[in-house]
Amino acid sequence: MDGWTEPGHATHAEAAWVMRRPATDRAGHPGSTVALRGRRDTAAEDGGEIREVLGEAAWRRLSPAIRRRFSEAALAEGAVHHFGVMTEVRCSRLGWLLAQACRLLGTPLAPGNGTDVPVTVSVYRDARRGGVTWDRIYRFPGRRPMKVSSTKCRDAAGRFLEVAAGGIGMWLSVYERAGRLCFRSGDYFVELAGRRIPLPRWFGPGETLVVHSDESAGRFRFTMTIRHRLFGETFFQDGVFETIEES
């Protein structure tokens, strides 16, 4: 599977969100428009594997909205869809080259630059891996929609990892910081013949840090920073999202 594909047209729910979405300034602060809330936003806070890894004290320090969003019950009825705007998407020259090199391995990296980029996120259970898949569709102005996909799951030893459709992945540490849920990458690997083969540290785009924080009113902020130990920042994304319902 290719790292990014051309998805279909925007759904009616996405179009409705665009028509009524709050304006965002350069800092990504939403306006006062009432948020669209999916029925799953009221899911029980069971937490599942993330709660188990964090521990009860750290899980309780997360904002209630984040606990609901990452609860097992949130996906019990099927996929959950979020829509929002990445106020900034940055990709260095090295980042672009690495994304191209990893394309056949299903890279979960969007090789582009832009501001106020509409993005759709679909989250659903992955039966094959036993984890949760995140599909992200970026709509850069003047370009075809770009879809990237990755799955968060655990291995037989209970360690968290994130892997793209083509088999390239990274080990993850999961922790709470100031009420936010954080995912930080460790070493990278590629899956071949049922094995996970470590990749040289210089090969990957760098250390990845993803932070989910609550913005109130049913919205959340997604921030991703990838920094190479030798070449500095390779990717950066920051945006505000809310849950939508299909119509």
Protein backbone atom coordinates (compact mmCIF):
# COMPACT_ATOMS: atom_id res chain seq x y z
CA MET A 1 0.00 0.00 0.00
CA ASP A 2 1.27 3.43 -0.89
CA GLY A 3 2.09 5.81 1.93
CA TRP A 4 -0.46 8.31 0.72
CA THR A 5 -3.40 7.86 -1.61
CA GLU A 6 -6.01 9.99 -3.27
CA PRO A 7 -9.18 9.68 -1.19
CA GLY A 8 -12.70 10.43 -2.28
CA HIS A 9 -14.58 13.69 -2.01
CA ALA A 10 -15.41 15.28 1.32
CA THR A 11 -18.42 13.82 3.09
CA HIS A 12 -21.54 15.87 3.81
CA ALA A 13 -20.47 16.01 7.44
CA GLU A 14 -17.08 17.45 6.49
CA ALA A 15 -18.66 19.98 4.17
CA ALA A 16 -21.05 21.06 6.89
CA TRP A 17 -18.15 21.45 9.31
CA VAL A 18 -16.28 23.64 6.82
CA MET A 19 -19.34 25.87 6.39
CA ARG A 20 -19.74 26.42 10.12
CA ARG A 21 -16.23 25.80 11.50
CA PRO A 22 -14.83 28.49 13.80
CA ALA A 23 -12.23 30.83 12.40
CA THR A 24 -8.73 30.15 13.67
CA ASP A 25 -5.95 32.62 14.16
CA ARG A 26 -2.29 31.81 13.58
CA ALA A 27 -2.07 30.38 17.09
CA GLY A 28 -4.89 28.00 16.24
CA HIS A 29 -7.39 29.42 18.72
CA PRO A 30 -10.94 28.60 17.60
CA GLY A 31 -13.74 31.12 17.51
CA SER A 32 -17.05 30.87 19.31
CA THR A 33 -19.01 28.69 16.88
CA VAL A 34 -20.79 25.85 18.66
CA ALA A 35 -18.89 22.58 18.20
CA LEU A 36 -20.36 19.57 16.44
CA ARG A 37 -20.21 16.66 18.86
CA GLY A 38 -20.41 12.98 17.98
CA ARG A 39 -22.45 10.66 20.12
CA ARG A 40 -19.25 8.85 21.07
CA ASP A 41 -17.93 11.91 22.92
CA THR A 42 -19.93 10.72 25.93
CA ALA A 43 -18.25 7.29 25.97
CA ALA A 44 -17.35 5.74 29.28
CA GLU A 45 -13.81 6.38 30.51
CA ASP A 46 -12.64 2.76 30.55
CA GLY A 47 -9.27 3.69 29.05
CA GLY A 48 -8.23 0.19 28.07
CA GLU A 49 -4.59 -0.32 27.16
CA ILE A 50 -3.54 3.33 27.43
CA ARG A 51 -4.93 3.52 30.96
CA GLU A 52 -3.08 0.33 31.81
CA VAL A 53 0.25 1.65 30.49
CA LEU A 54 -0.10 5.11 32.06
CA GLY A 55 -1.22 3.88 35.44
CA GLU A 56 -4.28 5.07 37.33
CA ALA A 57 -2.76 8.26 38.73
CA ALA A 58 -1.50 9.52 35.35
CA TRP A 59 -4.75 8.48 33.63
CA ARG A 60 -6.76 10.55 36.11
CA ARG A 61 -4.54 13.58 35.52
CA LEU A 62 -5.60 13.65 31.87
CA SER A 63 -8.50 15.95 31.10
CA PRO A 64 -11.88 14.14 31.14
CA ALA A 65 -12.36 14.87 27.42
CA ILE A 66 -9.05 13.18 26.55
CA ARG A 67 -9.97 10.17 28.69
CA ARG A 68 -13.27 9.83 26.82
CA ARG A 69 -11.60 10.28 23.45
CA PHE A 70 -9.07 7.51 24.10
CA SER A 71 -11.42 5.14 25.91
CA GLU A 72 -12.14 1.68 24.56
CA ALA A 73 -15.87 2.50 24.52
CA ALA A 74 -15.30 5.38 22.10
CA LEU A 75 -14.77 2.87 19.26
CA ALA A 76 -17.34 0.32 20.35
CA GLU A 77 -19.88 1.51 17.77
CA GLY A 78 -17.42 1.79 14.88
CA ALA A 79 -15.14 4.45 13.47
CA VAL A 80 -14.90 7.90 15.02
CA HIS A 81 -14.36 10.86 12.69
CA HIS A 82 -12.72 14.18 13.51
CA PHE A 83 -12.37 17.24 11.33
CA GLY A 84 -10.25 20.31 11.79
CA VAL A 85 -7.59 22.62 10.44
CA MET A 86 -3.84 22.29 10.73
CA THR A 87 -2.84 25.88 11.28
CA GLU A 88 0.68 24.95 10.24
CA VAL A 89 2.26 21.97 8.46
CA ARG A 90 6.04 22.12 8.00
CA CYS A 91 8.39 19.73 6.29
CA SER A 92 12.12 20.34 5.83
CA ARG A 93 14.00 19.32 2.68
CA LEU A 94 15.41 16.34 4.54
CA GLY A 95 11.95 15.45 5.79
CA TRP A 96 10.58 15.57 2.26
CA LEU A 97 13.37 13.33 0.99
CA LEU A 98 12.85 10.83 3.80
CA ALA A 99 9.09 10.76 3.17
CA GLN A 100 9.74 10.03 -0.51
CA ALA A 101 12.27 7.32 0.33
CA CYS A 102 9.80 5.64 2.70
CA ARG A 103 6.86 5.94 0.33
CA LEU A 104 6.81 2.28 -0.70
CA LEU A 105 6.84 1.30 2.97
CA GLY A 106 3.67 3.23 3.67
CA THR A 107 5.13 6.24 5.45
CA PRO A 108 2.72 7.98 7.85
CA LEU A 109 4.36 11.33 7.02
CA ALA A 110 2.76 14.08 4.93
CA PRO A 111 5.49 15.61 2.71
CA GLY A 112 4.18 19.15 2.37
CA ASN A 113 4.09 22.68 3.74
CA GLY A 114 1.05 24.84 4.30
CA THR A 115 -1.11 26.88 6.64
CA ASP A 116 -4.79 26.43 7.49
CA VAL A 117 -4.86 22.96 5.89
CA PRO A 118 -8.21 21.12 6.33
CA VAL A 119 -7.66 17.61 7.69
CA THR A 120 -10.05 14.72 8.28
CA VAL A 121 -9.12 12.02 10.81
CA SER A 122 -10.85 8.63 11.01
CA VAL A 123 -10.08 6.38 13.98
CA TYR A 124 -11.13 2.73 14.04
CA ARG A 125 -10.23 -0.69 15.37
CA ASP A 126 -7.72 -2.72 13.38
CA ALA A 127 -8.73 -6.37 13.70
CA ARG A 128 -5.54 -7.72 12.11
CA ARG A 129 -3.10 -5.96 14.43
CA GLY A 130 -5.44 -5.67 17.39
CA GLY A 131 -4.80 -1.94 17.64
CA VAL A 132 -6.29 1.38 16.56
CA THR A 133 -5.75 2.86 13.08
CA TRP A 134 -5.61 6.60 12.40
CA ASP A 135 -6.35 7.65 8.81
CA ARG A 136 -5.55 11.30 8.06
CA ILE A 137 -6.59 13.11 4.88
CA TYR A 138 -4.80 16.41 4.19
CA ARG A 139 -6.30 18.87 1.71
CA PHE A 140 -3.48 21.21 0.75
CA PRO A 141 -4.72 24.08 -1.45
CA GLY A 142 -4.17 23.38 -5.14
CA ARG A 143 -3.20 19.75 -4.60
CA ARG A 144 -4.95 16.40 -4.61
CA PRO A 145 -6.10 15.18 -1.18
CA MET A 146 -3.34 13.22 0.55
CA LYS A 147 -4.06 10.29 2.85
CA VAL A 148 -1.59 8.88 5.37
CA SER A 149 -2.33 6.03 7.75
CA SER A 150 -0.78 4.34 10.76
CA THR A 151 -1.83 1.93 13.51
CA LYS A 152 -1.04 2.10 17.23
CA CYS A 153 -0.91 -1.31 18.90
CA ARG A 154 1.05 -3.41 21.40
CA ASP A 155 3.43 -6.29 20.83
CA ALA A 156 3.53 -9.59 22.66
CA ALA A 157 5.64 -8.03 25.42
CA GLY A 158 3.09 -5.25 25.95
CA ARG A 159 5.18 -2.48 24.38
CA PHE A 160 3.41 0.23 22.39
CA LEU A 161 4.34 0.75 18.77
CA GLU A 162 3.03 2.62 15.74
CA VAL A 163 3.31 1.06 12.30
CA ALA A 164 2.32 2.21 8.81
CA ALA A 165 0.52 -0.01 6.32
CA GLY A 166 3.75 -0.95 4.54
CA GLY A 167 5.47 -2.14 7.71
CA ILE A 168 7.70 0.76 8.75
CA GLY A 169 7.14 1.65 12.38
CA MET A 170 8.51 2.97 15.65
CA TRP A 171 8.39 1.99 19.31
CA LEU A 172 6.44 4.40 21.50
CA SER A 173 6.54 5.60 25.07
CA VAL A 174 3.20 6.89 26.37
CA TYR A 175 2.93 9.35 29.25
CA GLU A 176 0.93 12.23 30.72
CA ARG A 177 2.27 15.75 30.99
CA ALA A 178 0.24 18.62 32.47
CA GLY A 179 -3.05 16.91 31.64
CA ARG A 180 -1.99 16.14 28.07
CA LEU A 181 -1.48 12.72 26.49
CA CYS A 182 1.96 12.33 24.91
CA PHE A 183 3.47 9.76 22.56
CA ARG A 184 7.26 9.80 22.05
CA SER A 185 9.08 7.59 19.57
CA GLY A 186 11.98 5.30 20.26
CA ASP A 187 13.85 3.32 17.62
CA TYR A 188 12.41 2.68 14.15
CA PHE A 189 11.93 -0.72 12.55
CA VAL A 190 10.57 -2.41 9.44
CA GLU A 191 8.39 -5.53 9.45
CA LEU A 192 9.63 -8.30 7.17
CA ALA A 193 8.58 -11.96 7.15
CA GLY A 194 6.90 -11.65 10.53
CA ARG A 195 9.91 -10.01 12.18
CA ARG A 196 10.59 -6.42 13.26
CA ILE A 197 14.04 -5.46 12.04
CA PRO A 198 15.59 -2.39 13.72
CA LEU A 199 16.65 0.43 11.41
CA PRO A 200 19.75 2.60 11.87
CA ARG A 201 18.94 5.73 13.87
CA TRP A 202 20.22 7.98 11.09
CA PHE A 203 17.69 6.44 8.67
CA GLY A 204 14.54 7.71 10.36
CA PRO A 205 13.15 11.26 10.32
CA GLY A 206 14.11 11.73 13.98
CA GLU A 207 12.46 11.56 17.38
CA THR A 208 8.70 12.03 17.13
CA LEU A 209 6.64 13.72 19.83
CA VAL A 210 2.84 13.78 19.49
CA VAL A 211 0.77 15.68 22.05
CA HIS A 212 -3.04 15.53 22.42
CA SER A 213 -4.44 18.38 24.53
CA ASP A 214 -7.99 19.44 25.31
CA GLU A 215 -9.20 22.80 23.99
CA SER A 216 -12.65 22.64 25.68
CA ALA A 217 -16.03 22.95 23.91
CA GLY A 218 -15.53 19.50 22.37
CA ARG A 219 -12.28 20.41 20.60
CA PHE A 220 -8.77 19.04 20.96
CA ARG A 221 -5.32 20.07 19.75
CA PHE A 222 -2.95 17.74 17.91
CA THR A 223 0.72 18.75 17.81
CA MET A 224 3.45 16.67 16.20
CA THR A 225 7.14 17.54 16.17
CA ILE A 226 9.83 15.36 14.60
CA ARG A 227 13.44 16.33 15.24
CA HIS A 228 16.52 14.61 13.84
CA ARG A 229 19.49 14.47 16.21
CA LEU A 230 21.84 15.79 13.50
CA PHE A 231 19.65 17.86 11.18
CA GLY A 232 17.10 19.42 13.51
CA GLU A 233 13.38 19.66 12.87
CA THR A 234 12.14 17.60 9.92
CA PHE A 235 8.35 17.76 10.43
CA PHE A 236 5.91 19.89 12.41
CA GLN A 237 2.11 19.91 12.51
CA ASP A 238 -0.32 21.72 14.79
CA GLY A 239 -4.10 21.93 14.55
CA VAL A 240 -7.44 21.96 16.37
CA PHE A 241 -10.10 19.28 15.74
CA GLU A 242 -13.56 18.25 16.84
CA THR A 243 -15.66 15.13 16.45
CA ILE A 244 -18.17 15.01 13.60
CA GLU A 245 -21.09 12.78 12.79
CA GLU A 246 -21.75 11.24 9.40
CA SER A 247 -25.05 12.24 7.83
